[in-house]
Amino acid sequence: NTLYEATAPTALYVAAILPDPRTTRTVEKSRQDFPGNMRAELLAWIAS
């Protein structure tokens, strides 16, 4: 949860790709969980 110099441009990039249909692909959240939606994970990252 530390902010770095690179965090702000990263956040701009992540926010800008959210409408991209590729963000609806799955991503592993953890080995114990079912795969989740990348867009939801990206939104959680932006919230963090």
All heavy atoms as atom14 arrays in JSON, in Angstrom:
{
  "sequence": "NTLYEATAPTALYVAAILPDPRTTRTVEKSRQDFPGNMRAELLAWIAS",
  "atom14_mask": [
    [1, 1, 1, 1, 1, 1, 1, 1, 0, 0, 0, 0, 0, 0],
    [1, 1, 1, 1, 1, 1, 1, 0, 0, 0, 0, 0, 0, 0],
    [1, 1, 1, 1, 1, 1, 1, 1, 0, 0, 0, 0, 0, 0],
    [1, 1, 1, 1, 1, 1, 1, 1, 1, 1, 1, 1, 0, 0],
    [1, 1, 1, 1, 1, 1, 1, 1, 1, 0, 0, 0, 0, 0],
    [1, 1, 1, 1, 1, 0, 0, 0, 0, 0, 0, 0, 0, 0],
    [1, 1, 1, 1, 1, 1, 1, 0, 0, 0, 0, 0, 0, 0],
    [1, 1, 1, 1, 1, 0, 0, 0, 0, 0, 0, 0, 0, 0],
    [1, 1, 1, 1, 1, 1, 1, 0, 0, 0, 0, 0, 0, 0],
    [1, 1, 1, 1, 1, 1, 1, 0, 0, 0, 0, 0, 0, 0],
    [1, 1, 1, 1, 1, 0, 0, 0, 0, 0, 0, 0, 0, 0],
    [1, 1, 1, 1, 1, 1, 1, 1, 0, 0, 0, 0, 0, 0],
    [1, 1, 1, 1, 1, 1, 1, 1, 1, 1, 1, 1, 0, 0],
    [1, 1, 1, 1, 1, 1, 1, 0, 0, 0, 0, 0, 0, 0],
    [1, 1, 1, 1, 1, 0, 0, 0, 0, 0, 0, 0, 0, 0],
    [1, 1, 1, 1, 1, 0, 0, 0, 0, 0, 0, 0, 0, 0],
    [1, 1, 1, 1, 1, 1, 1, 1, 0, 0, 0, 0, 0, 0],
    [1, 1, 1, 1, 1, 1, 1, 1, 0, 0, 0, 0, 0, 0],
    [1, 1, 1, 1, 1, 1, 1, 0, 0, 0, 0, 0, 0, 0],
    [1, 1, 1, 1, 1, 1, 1, 1, 0, 0, 0, 0, 0, 0],
    [1, 1, 1, 1, 1, 1, 1, 0, 0, 0, 0, 0, 0, 0],
    [1, 1, 1, 1, 1, 1, 1, 1, 1, 1, 1, 0, 0, 0],
    [1, 1, 1, 1, 1, 1, 1, 0, 0, 0, 0, 0, 0, 0],
    [1, 1, 1, 1, 1, 1, 1, 0, 0, 0, 0, 0, 0, 0],
    [1, 1, 1, 1, 1, 1, 1, 1, 1, 1, 1, 0, 0, 0],
    [1, 1, 1, 1, 1, 1, 1, 0, 0, 0, 0, 0, 0, 0],
    [1, 1, 1, 1, 1, 1, 1, 0, 0, 0, 0, 0, 0, 0],
    [1, 1, 1, 1, 1, 1, 1, 1, 1, 0, 0, 0, 0, 0],
    [1, 1, 1, 1, 1, 1, 1, 1, 1, 0, 0, 0, 0, 0],
    [1, 1, 1, 1, 1, 1, 0, 0, 0, 0, 0, 0, 0, 0],
    [1, 1, 1, 1, 1, 1, 1, 1, 1, 1, 1, 0, 0, 0],
    [1, 1, 1, 1, 1, 1, 1, 1, 1, 0, 0, 0, 0, 0],
    [1, 1, 1, 1, 1, 1, 1, 1, 0, 0, 0, 0, 0, 0],
    [1, 1, 1, 1, 1, 1, 1, 1, 1, 1, 1, 0, 0, 0],
    [1, 1, 1, 1, 1, 1, 1, 0, 0, 0, 0, 0, 0, 0],
    [1, 1, 1, 1, 0, 0, 0, 0, 0, 0, 0, 0, 0, 0],
    [1, 1, 1, 1, 1, 1, 1, 1, 0, 0, 0, 0, 0, 0],
    [1, 1, 1, 1, 1, 1, 1, 1, 0, 0, 0, 0, 0, 0],
    [1, 1, 1, 1, 1, 1, 1, 1, 1, 1, 1, 0, 0, 0],
    [1, 1, 1, 1, 1, 0, 0, 0, 0, 0, 0, 0, 0, 0],
    [1, 1, 1, 1, 1, 1, 1, 1, 1, 0, 0, 0, 0, 0],
    [1, 1, 1, 1, 1, 1, 1, 1, 0, 0, 0, 0, 0, 0],
    [1, 1, 1, 1, 1, 1, 1, 1, 0, 0, 0, 0, 0, 0],
    [1, 1, 1, 1, 1, 0, 0, 0, 0, 0, 0, 0, 0, 0],
    [1, 1, 1, 1, 1, 1, 1, 1, 1, 1, 1, 1, 1, 1],
    [1, 1, 1, 1, 1, 1, 1, 1, 0, 0, 0, 0, 0, 0],
    [1, 1, 1, 1, 1, 0, 0, 0, 0, 0, 0, 0, 0, 0],
    [1, 1, 1, 1, 1, 1, 0, 0, 0, 0, 0, 0, 0, 0]
  ],
  "atom14_positions": [
    [[0.81, -1.23, 0.0], [0.0, 0.0, 0.0], [0.83, 1.28, 0.0], [0.35, 2.34, 0.37], [-1.0, 0.02, 1.16], [-2.03, -1.06, 1.03], [-2.3, -1.55, -0.07], [-2.61, -1.47, 2.13], [0.0, 0.0, 0.0], [0.0, 0.0, 0.0], [0.0, 0.0, 0.0], [0.0, 0.0, 0.0], [0.0, 0.0, 0.0], [0.0, 0.0, 0.0]],
    [[2.07, 1.18, -0.44], [2.92, 2.36, -0.54], [2.76, 2.98, -1.92], [2.67, 2.28, -2.92], [4.4, 1.97, -0.31], [4.51, 1.37, 0.98], [5.31, 3.18, -0.4], [0.0, 0.0, 0.0], [0.0, 0.0, 0.0], [0.0, 0.0, 0.0], [0.0, 0.0, 0.0], [0.0, 0.0, 0.0], [0.0, 0.0, 0.0], [0.0, 0.0, 0.0]],
    [[2.71, 4.29, -1.95], [2.67, 5.02, -3.21], [4.1, 5.35, -3.63], [4.89, 5.81, -2.82], [1.87, 6.32, -3.06], [0.42, 6.17, -2.61], [-0.19, 7.55, -2.4], [-0.38, 5.35, -3.6], [0.0, 0.0, 0.0], [0.0, 0.0, 0.0], [0.0, 0.0, 0.0], [0.0, 0.0, 0.0], [0.0, 0.0, 0.0], [0.0, 0.0, 0.0]],
    [[4.39, 5.11, -4.88], [5.72, 5.39, -5.44], [5.56, 6.39, -6.58], [4.45, 6.66, -7.04], [6.35, 4.1, -5.98], [6.53, 3.06, -4.91], [5.57, 2.08, -4.7], [7.64, 3.09, -4.08], [5.72, 1.14, -3.7], [7.81, 2.15, -3.08], [6.84, 1.18, -2.89], [7.0, 0.26, -1.89], [0.0, 0.0, 0.0], [0.0, 0.0, 0.0]],
    [[6.67, 6.91, -7.07], [6.61, 7.84, -8.2], [5.89, 7.22, -9.39], [5.17, 7.9, -10.11], [8.02, 8.24, -8.63], [8.79, 9.06, -7.64], [10.24, 9.23, -8.05], [10.82, 8.32, -8.67], [10.78, 10.3, -7.75], [0.0, 0.0, 0.0], [0.0, 0.0, 0.0], [0.0, 0.0, 0.0], [0.0, 0.0, 0.0], [0.0, 0.0, 0.0]],
    [[6.07, 5.93, -9.59], [5.47, 5.25, -10.74], [4.0, 4.89, -10.52], [3.33, 4.48, -11.47], [6.27, 3.98, -11.06], [0.0, 0.0, 0.0], [0.0, 0.0, 0.0], [0.0, 0.0, 0.0], [0.0, 0.0, 0.0], [0.0, 0.0, 0.0], [0.0, 0.0, 0.0], [0.0, 0.0, 0.0], [0.0, 0.0, 0.0], [0.0, 0.0, 0.0]],
    [[3.49, 5.05, -9.31], [2.1, 4.66, -9.04], [1.1, 5.52, -9.79], [0.11, 5.01, -10.33], [1.81, 4.67, -7.53], [2.8, 3.89, -6.84], [0.44, 4.08, -7.23], [0.0, 0.0, 0.0], [0.0, 0.0, 0.0], [0.0, 0.0, 0.0], [0.0, 0.0, 0.0], [0.0, 0.0, 0.0], [0.0, 0.0, 0.0], [0.0, 0.0, 0.0]],
    [[1.32, 6.83, -9.85], [0.34, 7.72, -10.51], [0.2, 7.42, -12.0], [-0.92, 7.23, -12.48], [0.68, 9.18, -10.27], [0.0, 0.0, 0.0], [0.0, 0.0, 0.0], [0.0, 0.0, 0.0], [0.0, 0.0, 0.0], [0.0, 0.0, 0.0], [0.0, 0.0, 0.0], [0.0, 0.0, 0.0], [0.0, 0.0, 0.0], [0.0, 0.0, 0.0]],
    [[1.29, 7.35, -12.79], [1.09, 7.01, -14.2], [0.55, 5.59, -14.38], [-0.2, 5.32, -15.32], [2.47, 7.18, -14.84], [3.44, 7.25, -13.73], [2.69, 7.69, -12.51], [0.0, 0.0, 0.0], [0.0, 0.0, 0.0], [0.0, 0.0, 0.0], [0.0, 0.0, 0.0], [0.0, 0.0, 0.0], [0.0, 0.0, 0.0], [0.0, 0.0, 0.0]],
    [[0.88, 4.71, -13.46], [0.32, 3.35, -13.51], [-1.19, 3.41, -13.33], [-1.94, 2.76, -14.05], [0.97, 2.46, -12.44], [2.37, 2.34, -12.72], [0.33, 1.08, -12.41], [0.0, 0.0, 0.0], [0.0, 0.0, 0.0], [0.0, 0.0, 0.0], [0.0, 0.0, 0.0], [0.0, 0.0, 0.0], [0.0, 0.0, 0.0], [0.0, 0.0, 0.0]],
    [[-1.64, 4.21, -12.36], [-3.07, 4.34, -12.11], [-3.79, 4.94, -13.32], [-4.9, 4.51, -13.67], [-3.32, 5.18, -10.87], [0.0, 0.0, 0.0], [0.0, 0.0, 0.0], [0.0, 0.0, 0.0], [0.0, 0.0, 0.0], [0.0, 0.0, 0.0], [0.0, 0.0, 0.0], [0.0, 0.0, 0.0], [0.0, 0.0, 0.0], [0.0, 0.0, 0.0]],
    [[-3.16, 5.9, -13.99], [-3.76, 6.47, -15.21], [-3.9, 5.4, -16.28], [-4.94, 5.31, -16.95], [-2.9, 7.61, -15.74], [-2.98, 8.93, -15.0], [-1.95, 9.91, -15.55], [-4.38, 9.51, -15.09], [0.0, 0.0, 0.0], [0.0, 0.0, 0.0], [0.0, 0.0, 0.0], [0.0, 0.0, 0.0], [0.0, 0.0, 0.0], [0.0, 0.0, 0.0]],
    [[-2.87, 4.59, -16.45], [-2.93, 3.52, -17.45], [-4.03, 2.51, -17.1], [-4.85, 2.16, -17.94], [-1.57, 2.8, -17.54], [-1.6, 1.64, -18.5], [-1.36, 1.85, -19.85], [-1.87, 0.36, -18.07], [-1.4, 0.79, -20.74], [-1.92, -0.71, -18.96], [-1.68, -0.49, -20.29], [-1.73, -1.54, -21.17], [0.0, 0.0, 0.0], [0.0, 0.0, 0.0]],
    [[-4.05, 2.08, -15.84], [-5.05, 1.09, -15.42], [-6.46, 1.64, -15.61], [-7.34, 0.95, -16.14], [-4.79, 0.65, -13.96], [-5.96, -0.17, -13.41], [-3.49, -0.16, -13.88], [0.0, 0.0, 0.0], [0.0, 0.0, 0.0], [0.0, 0.0, 0.0], [0.0, 0.0, 0.0], [0.0, 0.0, 0.0], [0.0, 0.0, 0.0], [0.0, 0.0, 0.0]],
    [[-6.69, 2.87, -15.21], [-8.03, 3.47, -15.39], [-8.4, 3.54, -16.86], [-9.54, 3.28, -17.24], [-8.07, 4.85, -14.75], [0.0, 0.0, 0.0], [0.0, 0.0, 0.0], [0.0, 0.0, 0.0], [0.0, 0.0, 0.0], [0.0, 0.0, 0.0], [0.0, 0.0, 0.0], [0.0, 0.0, 0.0], [0.0, 0.0, 0.0], [0.0, 0.0, 0.0]],
    [[-7.44, 3.87, -17.7], [-7.72, 4.03, -19.13], [-8.0, 2.7, -19.83], [-8.7, 2.69, -20.85], [-6.55, 4.74, -19.81], [0.0, 0.0, 0.0], [0.0, 0.0, 0.0], [0.0, 0.0, 0.0], [0.0, 0.0, 0.0], [0.0, 0.0, 0.0], [0.0, 0.0, 0.0], [0.0, 0.0, 0.0], [0.0, 0.0, 0.0], [0.0, 0.0, 0.0]],
    [[-7.48, 1.58, -19.31], [-7.75, 0.3, -19.98], [-9.02, -0.38, -19.48], [-9.44, -1.38, -20.05], [-6.56, -0.69, -19.87], [-6.31, -1.14, -18.43], [-5.32, -0.12, -20.54], [-5.34, -2.31, -18.29], [0.0, 0.0, 0.0], [0.0, 0.0, 0.0], [0.0, 0.0, 0.0], [0.0, 0.0, 0.0], [0.0, 0.0, 0.0], [0.0, 0.0, 0.0]],
    [[-9.64, 0.15, -18.45], [-10.83, -0.51, -17.89], [-11.92, -0.81, -18.93], [-12.53, -1.88, -18.87], [-11.41, 0.3, -16.73], [-10.59, 0.26, -15.45], [-11.15, 1.24, -14.43], [-10.54, -1.15, -14.88], [0.0, 0.0, 0.0], [0.0, 0.0, 0.0], [0.0, 0.0, 0.0], [0.0, 0.0, 0.0], [0.0, 0.0, 0.0], [0.0, 0.0, 0.0]],
    [[-12.2, 0.08, -19.89], [-13.25, -0.25, -20.87], [-12.82, -1.3, -21.9], [-13.66, -1.81, -22.63], [-13.52, 1.08, -21.58], [-12.75, 2.11, -20.89], [-11.76, 1.46, -20.02], [0.0, 0.0, 0.0], [0.0, 0.0, 0.0], [0.0, 0.0, 0.0], [0.0, 0.0, 0.0], [0.0, 0.0, 0.0], [0.0, 0.0, 0.0], [0.0, 0.0, 0.0]],
    [[-11.55, -1.62, -21.96], [-11.06, -2.59, -22.94], [-11.7, -3.95, -22.66], [-11.65, -4.44, -21.53], [-9.52, -2.69, -22.83], [-8.91, -3.5, -23.95], [-9.35, -4.64, -24.19], [-7.96, -2.99, -24.57], [0.0, 0.0, 0.0], [0.0, 0.0, 0.0], [0.0, 0.0, 0.0], [0.0, 0.0, 0.0], [0.0, 0.0, 0.0], [0.0, 0.0, 0.0]],
    [[-12.29, -4.57, -23.66], [-12.95, -5.87, -23.44], [-12.0, -6.95, -22.91], [-12.45, -7.89, -22.26], [-13.5, -6.26, -24.81], [-13.28, -5.11, -25.71], [-12.44, -4.1, -25.02], [0.0, 0.0, 0.0], [0.0, 0.0, 0.0], [0.0, 0.0, 0.0], [0.0, 0.0, 0.0], [0.0, 0.0, 0.0], [0.0, 0.0, 0.0], [0.0, 0.0, 0.0]],
    [[-10.71, -6.78, -23.14], [-9.76, -7.78, -22.63], [-9.68, -7.79, -21.11], [-9.24, -8.77, -20.52], [-8.38, -7.55, -23.24], [-8.36, -7.79, -24.75], [-7.03, -7.43, -25.36], [-6.88, -5.97, -25.34], [-5.82, -5.32, -25.79], [-4.78, -5.99, -26.29], [-5.77, -4.0, -25.75], [0.0, 0.0, 0.0], [0.0, 0.0, 0.0], [0.0, 0.0, 0.0]],
    [[-10.15, -6.72, -20.46], [-10.13, -6.71, -19.0], [-11.22, -7.57, -18.4], [-11.26, -7.75, -17.19], [-10.24, -5.27, -18.43], [-11.48, -4.71, -18.8], [-9.08, -4.4, -18.89], [0.0, 0.0, 0.0], [0.0, 0.0, 0.0], [0.0, 0.0, 0.0], [0.0, 0.0, 0.0], [0.0, 0.0, 0.0], [0.0, 0.0, 0.0], [0.0, 0.0, 0.0]],
    [[-12.09, -8.13, -19.23], [-13.11, -9.05, -18.71], [-12.59, -10.49, -18.67], [-13.29, -11.38, -18.21], [-14.41, -9.0, -19.54], [-14.13, -9.4, -20.87], [-15.02, -7.61, -19.51], [0.0, 0.0, 0.0], [0.0, 0.0, 0.0], [0.0, 0.0, 0.0], [0.0, 0.0, 0.0], [0.0, 0.0, 0.0], [0.0, 0.0, 0.0], [0.0, 0.0, 0.0]],
    [[-11.37, -10.7, -19.13], [-10.77, -12.04, -19.05], [-10.5, -12.39, -17.59], [-10.44, -11.53, -16.72], [-9.46, -12.07, -19.85], [-9.66, -11.89, -21.33], [-8.31, -11.81, -22.0], [-8.45, -11.75, -23.45], [-7.52, -11.31, -24.25], [-6.35, -10.88, -23.75], [-7.7, -11.28, -25.54], [0.0, 0.0, 0.0], [0.0, 0.0, 0.0], [0.0, 0.0, 0.0]],
    [[-10.3, -13.67, -17.37], [-10.07, -14.13, -16.0], [-8.61, -13.99, -15.59], [-7.7, -13.93, -16.42], [-10.49, -15.6, -15.84], [-9.75, -16.4, -16.77], [-11.97, -15.79, -16.05], [0.0, 0.0, 0.0], [0.0, 0.0, 0.0], [0.0, 0.0, 0.0], [0.0, 0.0, 0.0], [0.0, 0.0, 0.0], [0.0, 0.0, 0.0], [0.0, 0.0, 0.0]],
    [[-8.45, -13.97, -14.29], [-7.12, -13.92, -13.69], [-7.2, -14.73, -12.4], [-8.25, -14.76, -11.74], [-6.69, -12.45, -13.44], [-7.58, -11.76, -12.45], [-5.25, -12.36, -13.04], [0.0, 0.0, 0.0], [0.0, 0.0, 0.0], [0.0, 0.0, 0.0], [0.0, 0.0, 0.0], [0.0, 0.0, 0.0], [0.0, 0.0, 0.0], [0.0, 0.0, 0.0]],
    [[-6.12, -15.42, -12.07], [-6.08, -16.16, -10.8], [-5.95, -15.16, -9.66], [-5.07, -14.31, -9.68], [-4.88, -17.12, -10.78], [-4.98, -18.25, -11.76], [-6.03, -19.28, -11.4], [-6.32, -19.47, -10.19], [-6.58, -19.9, -12.32], [0.0, 0.0, 0.0], [0.0, 0.0, 0.0], [0.0, 0.0, 0.0], [0.0, 0.0, 0.0], [0.0, 0.0, 0.0]],
    [[-6.83, -15.28, -8.68], [-6.75, -14.39, -7.52], [-5.83, -15.0, -6.47], [-5.04, -14.33, -5.86], [-8.13, -14.12, -6.95], [-9.02, -13.37, -7.95], [-10.31, -12.95, -7.35], [-11.17, -14.14, -7.02], [-12.46, -13.81, -6.47], [0.0, 0.0, 0.0], [0.0, 0.0, 0.0], [0.0, 0.0, 0.0], [0.0, 0.0, 0.0], [0.0, 0.0, 0.0]],
    [[-5.97, -16.28, -6.26], [-5.07, -17.05, -5.41], [-5.26, -18.51, -5.77], [-6.22, -18.87, -6.44], [-5.35, -16.81, -3.92], [-6.51, -17.51, -3.52], [0.0, 0.0, 0.0], [0.0, 0.0, 0.0], [0.0, 0.0, 0.0], [0.0, 0.0, 0.0], [0.0, 0.0, 0.0], [0.0, 0.0, 0.0], [0.0, 0.0, 0.0], [0.0, 0.0, 0.0]],
    [[-4.36, -19.33, -5.33], [-4.44, -20.75, -5.7], [-5.7, -21.41, -5.14], [-6.15, -22.41, -5.65], [-3.19, -21.47, -5.24], [-1.99, -21.04, -6.04], [-0.81, -21.97, -5.8], [0.22, -21.68, -6.77], [1.27, -20.92, -6.53], [1.41, -20.37, -5.35], [2.18, -20.71, -7.47], [0.0, 0.0, 0.0], [0.0, 0.0, 0.0], [0.0, 0.0, 0.0]],
    [[-6.25, -20.87, -4.07], [-7.44, -21.47, -3.44], [-8.75, -20.97, -4.03], [-9.79, -21.53, -3.78], [-7.43, -21.19, -1.93], [-6.29, -21.84, -1.18], [-4.98, -21.09, -1.31], [-4.94, -19.9, -1.57], [-3.88, -21.81, -1.15], [0.0, 0.0, 0.0], [0.0, 0.0, 0.0], [0.0, 0.0, 0.0], [0.0, 0.0, 0.0], [0.0, 0.0, 0.0]],
    [[-8.72, -19.9, -4.8], [-9.93, -19.28, -5.32], [-10.17, -19.69, -6.77], [-9.27, -20.08, -7.49], [-9.82, -17.75, -5.3], [-9.77, -17.18, -3.91], [-10.29, -17.84, -2.99], [-9.22, -16.08, -3.74], [0.0, 0.0, 0.0], [0.0, 0.0, 0.0], [0.0, 0.0, 0.0], [0.0, 0.0, 0.0], [0.0, 0.0, 0.0], [0.0, 0.0, 0.0]],
    [[-11.41, -19.54, -7.17], [-11.72, -19.65, -8.59], [-11.15, -18.42, -9.29], [-11.02, -17.36, -8.66], [-13.24, -19.7, -8.83], [-13.86, -21.0, -8.42], [-14.65, -21.07, -7.28], [-13.64, -22.15, -9.16], [-15.23, -22.26, -6.9], [-14.21, -23.34, -8.79], [-15.01, -23.41, -7.64], [0.0, 0.0, 0.0], [0.0, 0.0, 0.0], [0.0, 0.0, 0.0]],
    [[-10.83, -18.51, -10.57], [-10.37, -17.31, -11.28], [-11.41, -16.2, -11.2], [-12.6, -16.45, -11.15], [-10.18, -17.79, -12.72], [-9.96, -19.26, -12.59], [-10.82, -19.69, -11.43], [0.0, 0.0, 0.0], [0.0, 0.0, 0.0], [0.0, 0.0, 0.0], [0.0, 0.0, 0.0], [0.0, 0.0, 0.0], [0.0, 0.0, 0.0], [0.0, 0.0, 0.0]],
    [[-10.91, -14.97, -11.17], [-11.79, -13.81, -11.1], [-11.67, -12.96, -12.34], [-10.87, -13.23, -13.23], [0.0, 0.0, 0.0], [0.0, 0.0, 0.0], [0.0, 0.0, 0.0], [0.0, 0.0, 0.0], [0.0, 0.0, 0.0], [0.0, 0.0, 0.0], [0.0, 0.0, 0.0], [0.0, 0.0, 0.0], [0.0, 0.0, 0.0], [0.0, 0.0, 0.0]],
    [[-12.44, -11.91, -12.37], [-12.48, -10.99, -13.49], [-11.38, -9.95, -13.33], [-11.27, -9.3, -12.29], [-13.86, -10.33, -13.5], [-14.04, -9.33, -14.59], [-13.52, -8.23, -14.5], [-14.76, -9.71, -15.62], [0.0, 0.0, 0.0], [0.0, 0.0, 0.0], [0.0, 0.0, 0.0], [0.0, 0.0, 0.0], [0.0, 0.0, 0.0], [0.0, 0.0, 0.0]],
    [[-10.55, -9.79, -14.36], [-9.44, -8.84, -14.31], [-9.94, -7.42, -14.04], [-9.34, -6.69, -13.24], [-8.63, -8.87, -15.61], [-7.55, -7.81, -15.69], [-6.27, -7.93, -14.45], [-5.11, -8.96, -15.33], [0.0, 0.0, 0.0], [0.0, 0.0, 0.0], [0.0, 0.0, 0.0], [0.0, 0.0, 0.0], [0.0, 0.0, 0.0], [0.0, 0.0, 0.0]],
    [[-11.03, -7.01, -14.66], [-11.54, -5.65, -14.46], [-11.86, -5.39, -12.99], [-11.52, -4.34, -12.44], [-12.78, -5.4, -15.33], [-13.23, -3.94, -15.3], [-14.37, -3.68, -16.25], [-13.92, -3.82, -17.63], [-14.72, -4.09, -18.65], [-16.01, -4.26, -18.46], [-14.24, -4.18, -19.87], [0.0, 0.0, 0.0], [0.0, 0.0, 0.0], [0.0, 0.0, 0.0]],
    [[-12.48, -6.36, -12.34], [-12.79, -6.21, -10.92], [-11.51, -6.08, -10.11], [-11.43, -5.26, -9.17], [-13.62, -7.39, -10.43], [0.0, 0.0, 0.0], [0.0, 0.0, 0.0], [0.0, 0.0, 0.0], [0.0, 0.0, 0.0], [0.0, 0.0, 0.0], [0.0, 0.0, 0.0], [0.0, 0.0, 0.0], [0.0, 0.0, 0.0], [0.0, 0.0, 0.0]],
    [[-10.5, -6.85, -10.46], [-9.22, -6.78, -9.75], [-8.53, -5.43, -9.98], [-7.93, -4.87, -9.07], [-8.31, -7.93, -10.18], [-8.85, -9.3, -9.82], [-9.06, -9.51, -8.33], [-8.18, -9.09, -7.54], [-10.09, -10.08, -7.96], [0.0, 0.0, 0.0], [0.0, 0.0, 0.0], [0.0, 0.0, 0.0], [0.0, 0.0, 0.0], [0.0, 0.0, 0.0]],
    [[-8.63, -4.9, -11.19], [-8.04, -3.6, -11.5], [-8.76, -2.48, -10.75], [-8.12, -1.55, -10.24], [-8.05, -3.33, -13.0], [-7.17, -4.26, -13.84], [-7.36, -3.97, -15.32], [-5.71, -4.18, -13.44], [0.0, 0.0, 0.0], [0.0, 0.0, 0.0], [0.0, 0.0, 0.0], [0.0, 0.0, 0.0], [0.0, 0.0, 0.0], [0.0, 0.0, 0.0]],
    [[-10.07, -2.58, -10.66], [-10.83, -1.59, -9.89], [-10.45, -1.65, -8.41], [-10.32, -0.61, -7.75], [-12.34, -1.81, -10.06], [-12.91, -1.35, -11.39], [-14.31, -1.92, -11.6], [-12.92, 0.17, -11.47], [0.0, 0.0, 0.0], [0.0, 0.0, 0.0], [0.0, 0.0, 0.0], [0.0, 0.0, 0.0], [0.0, 0.0, 0.0], [0.0, 0.0, 0.0]],
    [[-10.25, -2.84, -7.88], [-9.83, -2.99, -6.49], [-8.45, -2.38, -6.28], [-8.19, -1.75, -5.24], [-9.84, -4.46, -6.09], [0.0, 0.0, 0.0], [0.0, 0.0, 0.0], [0.0, 0.0, 0.0], [0.0, 0.0, 0.0], [0.0, 0.0, 0.0], [0.0, 0.0, 0.0], [0.0, 0.0, 0.0], [0.0, 0.0, 0.0], [0.0, 0.0, 0.0]],
    [[-7.57, -2.54, -7.28], [-6.23, -1.95, -7.18], [-6.33, -0.41, -7.15], [-5.69, 0.24, -6.33], [-5.35, -2.42, -8.33], [-3.95, -1.91, -8.23], [-2.93, -2.47, -7.52], [-3.43, -0.71, -8.83], [-1.8, -1.69, -7.65], [-2.07, -0.62, -8.44], [-3.96, 0.26, -9.66], [-1.25, 0.43, -8.86], [-3.15, 1.31, -10.07], [-1.8, 1.38, -9.67]],
    [[-7.14, 0.14, -8.04], [-7.32, 1.6, -8.07], [-7.89, 2.08, -6.73], [-7.45, 3.1, -6.19], [-8.23, 2.03, -9.25], [-7.49, 1.84, -10.57], [-8.7, 3.47, -9.08], [-8.35, 2.05, -11.79], [0.0, 0.0, 0.0], [0.0, 0.0, 0.0], [0.0, 0.0, 0.0], [0.0, 0.0, 0.0], [0.0, 0.0, 0.0], [0.0, 0.0, 0.0]],
    [[-8.85, 1.34, -6.18], [-9.41, 1.71, -4.88], [-8.34, 1.68, -3.79], [-8.31, 2.56, -2.92], [-10.56, 0.77, -4.52], [0.0, 0.0, 0.0], [0.0, 0.0, 0.0], [0.0, 0.0, 0.0], [0.0, 0.0, 0.0], [0.0, 0.0, 0.0], [0.0, 0.0, 0.0], [0.0, 0.0, 0.0], [0.0, 0.0, 0.0], [0.0, 0.0, 0.0]],
    [[-7.46, 0.7, -3.84], [-6.38, 0.61, -2.87], [-5.44, 1.81, -2.96], [-5.03, 2.38, -1.95], [-5.6, -0.69, -3.09], [-4.51, -0.78, -2.22], [0.0, 0.0, 0.0], [0.0, 0.0, 0.0], [0.0, 0.0, 0.0], [0.0, 0.0, 0.0], [0.0, 0.0, 0.0], [0.0, 0.0, 0.0], [0.0, 0.0, 0.0], [0.0, 0.0, 0.0]]
  ]
}
